[in-house]
N, C-alpha and C. Protein backbone atom coordinates (compact mmCIF):
# COMPACT_ATOMS: atom_id res chain seq x y z
N MET A 1 226.98 136.84 123.45
CA MET A 1 225.75 136.93 123.97
C MET A 1 224.86 136.91 122.66
N ASP A 2 224.88 137.13 121.60
CA ASP A 2 224.27 137.25 120.46
C ASP A 2 223.83 135.74 120.12
N LYS A 3 224.81 134.77 120.12
CA LYS A 3 224.68 134.02 119.72
C LYS A 3 223.87 132.74 121.02
N PHE A 4 224.07 133.15 122.03
CA PHE A 4 223.23 132.78 123.33
C PHE A 4 221.64 132.94 122.97
N LEU A 5 221.96 134.19 122.63
CA LEU A 5 220.31 134.74 122.32
C LEU A 5 219.38 134.30 121.19
N ALA A 6 220.31 133.67 120.09
CA ALA A 6 220.27 133.25 119.01
C ALA A 6 219.61 131.85 119.28
N ILE A 7 220.54 131.27 119.86
CA ILE A 7 220.05 129.71 120.70
C ILE A 7 218.68 129.71 121.19
N LEU A 8 218.48 130.62 122.35
CA LEU A 8 217.31 130.44 122.85
C LEU A 8 216.09 130.93 122.10
N GLN A 9 216.14 131.60 120.99
CA GLN A 9 215.16 131.96 120.22
C GLN A 9 214.65 130.78 119.37
N LEU A 10 215.57 130.05 118.98
CA LEU A 10 215.38 128.68 118.01
C LEU A 10 215.01 127.78 119.20
N LEU A 11 215.39 127.46 120.33
CA LEU A 11 214.63 126.51 121.11
C LEU A 11 213.08 126.93 121.39
N PHE A 12 212.91 128.82 121.65
CA PHE A 12 211.57 128.80 122.24
C PHE A 12 210.80 128.48 120.74
N ALA A 13 211.55 128.59 119.30
CA ALA A 13 210.70 128.51 118.08
C ALA A 13 210.11 127.32 118.20
N VAL A 14 211.31 126.00 118.63
CA VAL A 14 210.69 124.74 118.49
C VAL A 14 209.84 124.50 119.65
N LEU A 15 209.65 125.01 120.46
CA LEU A 15 208.66 124.96 121.70
C LEU A 15 207.57 125.46 121.23
N LEU A 16 207.16 126.54 120.44
CA LEU A 16 205.86 127.13 119.92
C LEU A 16 205.54 125.89 118.82
N ALA A 17 206.13 125.73 117.96
CA ALA A 17 206.07 124.54 116.93
C ALA A 17 205.57 123.31 117.38
N ILE A 18 205.73 122.81 118.80
CA ILE A 18 205.40 121.56 119.42
C ILE A 18 203.75 121.84 120.37
N MET A 19 203.93 123.28 120.45
CA MET A 19 202.46 123.47 121.04
C MET A 19 201.52 123.69 120.35
N ALA A 20 201.72 124.28 118.83
CA ALA A 20 200.71 124.12 117.63
C ALA A 20 200.54 122.67 117.06
N VAL A 21 201.62 121.77 117.29
CA VAL A 21 201.31 120.24 116.89
C VAL A 21 200.15 119.84 117.89
N VAL A 22 200.68 120.15 119.23
CA VAL A 22 199.70 119.62 120.30
C VAL A 22 198.28 120.21 119.86
N THR A 23 198.35 121.27 119.81
CA THR A 23 197.10 122.14 119.86
C THR A 23 196.15 121.43 118.62
N ILE A 24 196.73 121.17 117.41
CA ILE A 24 196.16 120.45 116.42
C ILE A 24 195.62 119.08 116.64
N HIS A 25 196.32 118.32 117.51
CA HIS A 25 195.85 117.06 117.66
C HIS A 25 194.56 117.29 118.66
N ASN A 26 194.75 118.32 119.69
CA ASN A 26 193.52 118.24 120.46
C ASN A 26 192.21 118.46 119.52
N LEU A 27 192.49 119.85 118.57
CA LEU A 27 191.60 119.91 117.87
C LEU A 27 190.91 118.73 116.92
N VAL A 28 191.98 117.74 116.52
CA VAL A 28 191.10 116.70 115.98
C VAL A 28 190.28 115.58 116.87
N ASN A 29 190.86 115.92 118.30
CA ASN A 29 189.60 114.86 119.24
C ASN A 29 188.72 115.65 119.32
N ILE A 30 188.61 117.11 119.57
CA ILE A 30 187.41 117.64 119.76
C ILE A 30 186.65 118.02 118.37
N SER A 31 187.24 117.81 117.49
CA SER A 31 185.82 117.32 116.15
C SER A 31 185.32 116.37 116.19
N ALA A 32 185.85 115.22 116.96
CA ALA A 32 185.25 114.06 116.79
C ALA A 32 183.83 113.91 117.82
N ARG A 33 183.63 115.16 118.30
CA ARG A 33 182.37 115.17 119.61
C ARG A 33 181.57 115.55 118.32
N PRO A 34 180.12 115.41 119.56
CA PRO A 34 178.72 115.90 118.63
C PRO A 34 178.60 117.48 118.81
N GLU A 35 178.53 117.96 117.75
CA GLU A 35 178.78 119.44 116.99
C GLU A 35 177.68 120.45 117.80
N THR A 36 178.07 120.95 118.96
CA THR A 36 177.43 122.09 119.50
C THR A 36 177.85 123.42 119.45
N ILE A 37 177.34 124.77 119.95
CA ILE A 37 177.89 125.85 119.58
C ILE A 37 179.29 126.13 120.49
N SER A 38 179.38 125.56 121.53
CA SER A 38 180.60 125.40 122.30
C SER A 38 181.90 124.32 121.74
N VAL A 39 181.74 123.43 120.83
CA VAL A 39 182.50 122.95 120.16
C VAL A 39 183.09 123.65 118.82
N VAL A 40 181.93 124.53 118.57
CA VAL A 40 182.38 125.55 116.89
C VAL A 40 182.94 126.10 117.45
N ASN A 41 182.64 127.07 118.74
CA ASN A 41 183.79 128.01 119.49
C ASN A 41 185.03 127.49 119.45
N THR A 42 185.36 126.52 120.18
CA THR A 42 186.47 125.71 120.62
C THR A 42 187.27 125.71 119.12
N ILE A 43 186.89 125.05 118.21
CA ILE A 43 187.16 124.68 117.04
C ILE A 43 188.07 126.22 116.23
N ILE A 44 186.87 127.18 116.59
CA ILE A 44 187.54 128.76 115.72
C ILE A 44 188.49 129.17 116.58
N GLY A 45 188.41 128.89 118.09
CA GLY A 45 189.42 129.61 118.77
C GLY A 45 190.93 129.13 118.69
N GLN A 46 190.67 127.53 118.74
CA GLN A 46 191.94 126.61 118.61
C GLN A 46 192.55 126.99 117.27
N GLY A 47 191.78 127.42 116.53
CA GLY A 47 192.41 127.66 114.87
C GLY A 47 193.13 128.68 114.70
N VAL A 48 192.72 129.81 115.42
CA VAL A 48 193.22 130.90 115.59
C VAL A 48 194.55 130.99 116.74
N VAL A 49 194.50 130.00 117.24
CA VAL A 49 195.73 130.04 118.47
C VAL A 49 196.91 128.90 117.66
N ILE A 50 196.38 128.12 116.57
CA ILE A 50 197.59 127.40 115.95
C ILE A 50 198.11 128.51 115.12
N ILE A 51 197.22 129.11 114.21
CA ILE A 51 197.69 129.93 113.35
C ILE A 51 198.75 130.92 114.24
N ALA A 52 198.83 131.45 115.13
CA ALA A 52 199.38 132.57 115.95
C ALA A 52 200.79 131.59 116.29
N LEU A 53 200.59 130.64 117.03
CA LEU A 53 201.58 129.90 117.34
C LEU A 53 202.62 129.69 116.07
N SER A 54 202.16 129.22 115.20
CA SER A 54 203.02 129.21 114.09
C SER A 54 203.59 130.02 113.55
N VAL A 55 202.52 131.28 113.23
CA VAL A 55 203.44 132.98 112.77
C VAL A 55 204.64 133.04 113.65
N PHE A 56 204.44 132.67 115.32
CA PHE A 56 205.41 133.00 115.92
C PHE A 56 206.47 132.52 116.16
N ALA A 57 206.25 131.08 115.97
CA ALA A 57 207.52 130.23 115.50
C ALA A 57 208.09 130.28 114.40
N THR A 58 207.65 131.01 113.32
CA THR A 58 208.50 130.90 112.10
C THR A 58 209.36 132.24 112.36
N VAL A 59 208.59 133.27 112.79
CA VAL A 59 209.11 134.62 113.17
C VAL A 59 210.43 134.52 113.97
N LEU A 60 210.53 133.94 115.40
CA LEU A 60 211.49 133.18 115.83
C LEU A 60 212.44 132.35 115.29
N PHE A 61 212.07 131.45 114.60
CA PHE A 61 213.12 130.90 113.99
C PHE A 61 213.88 131.29 112.98
N ARG A 62 213.46 132.00 112.30
CA ARG A 62 213.78 133.04 110.72
C ARG A 62 215.08 133.82 111.42
N LYS A 63 214.60 134.61 112.73
CA LYS A 63 215.32 135.78 113.24
C LYS A 63 216.73 135.22 114.00
N GLY A 64 216.08 133.90 114.87
CA GLY A 64 217.18 133.38 115.50
C GLY A 64 218.57 132.70 114.44
N TRP A 65 217.63 131.92 113.81
CA TRP A 65 218.55 131.01 112.28
C TRP A 65 219.52 132.44 111.81
N LYS A 66 218.71 133.42 111.67
CA LYS A 66 220.03 134.66 111.02
C LYS A 66 220.96 135.19 111.86
N GLN A 67 220.39 135.48 112.97
CA GLN A 67 221.36 135.70 114.14
C GLN A 67 222.60 135.03 114.26
N LEU A 68 222.19 133.70 114.23
CA LEU A 68 223.30 132.72 114.65
C LEU A 68 224.26 132.70 113.24
N ARG A 69 223.69 132.39 112.24
CA ARG A 69 224.53 132.44 110.91
C ARG A 69 225.31 133.55 110.58
N GLN A 70 224.85 134.99 111.60
CA GLN A 70 225.90 136.16 111.24
C GLN A 70 227.33 136.22 111.75
N PRO A 71 228.15 136.47 111.19
CA PRO A 71 229.31 136.47 111.27
C PRO A 71 229.87 137.14 112.70
N ASP A 72 230.83 136.70 113.31
CA ASP A 72 230.77 137.72 114.49
C ASP A 72 231.19 138.79 114.44
N LYS A 73 230.73 139.87 114.99
CA LYS A 73 231.18 141.49 114.84
C LYS A 73 232.68 141.66 115.29
N ALA A 74 233.00 141.02 116.49
CA ALA A 74 234.35 141.22 117.16
C ALA A 74 235.65 140.65 116.39
N SER A 75 235.16 139.70 115.22
CA SER A 75 236.29 139.01 114.58
C SER A 75 236.04 139.81 113.01
N GLN A 76 235.16 140.48 112.77
CA GLN A 76 234.92 141.42 111.20
C GLN A 76 236.04 142.70 111.87
N ASP A 77 235.55 143.01 112.95
CA ASP A 77 236.36 144.70 113.19
C ASP A 77 237.33 144.67 114.25
N PRO A 78 238.62 143.97 113.94
CA PRO A 78 239.87 143.89 115.21
C PRO A 78 240.01 145.49 115.97
N GLU A 79 239.43 146.73 115.12
CA GLU A 79 240.30 147.73 115.68
C GLU A 79 238.94 148.39 116.69
N SER A 80 238.02 148.04 116.53
CA SER A 80 236.97 148.33 117.84
C SER A 80 237.19 147.71 118.95
N SER A 81 237.68 146.56 119.11
CA SER A 81 237.81 146.30 120.41
C SER A 81 239.05 146.69 121.09
N SER A 82 239.82 147.42 120.32
CA SER A 82 241.16 147.86 121.12
C SER A 82 240.90 149.47 121.55
N GLU A 83 239.92 149.93 121.15
CA GLU A 83 239.38 151.29 121.73
C GLU A 83 238.84 151.39 123.22
């Protein structure tokens, strides 16, 4: 079950990273428009969203990778499964 959750975390991290890249692409497209206050507000807001998505993706990736690389607890301690 731990490996399943680790794989889900890795997949969700990849999904968040893809969402951050798409948001960066959208930010580039918006920055080509004439500068108005709504465009500036959108740029600031999307900048915050990009940073948040990147941080969440990094945290989930590291946590999932660590959990996936962790040796199986049942194979380490065979006495605990016999209780």
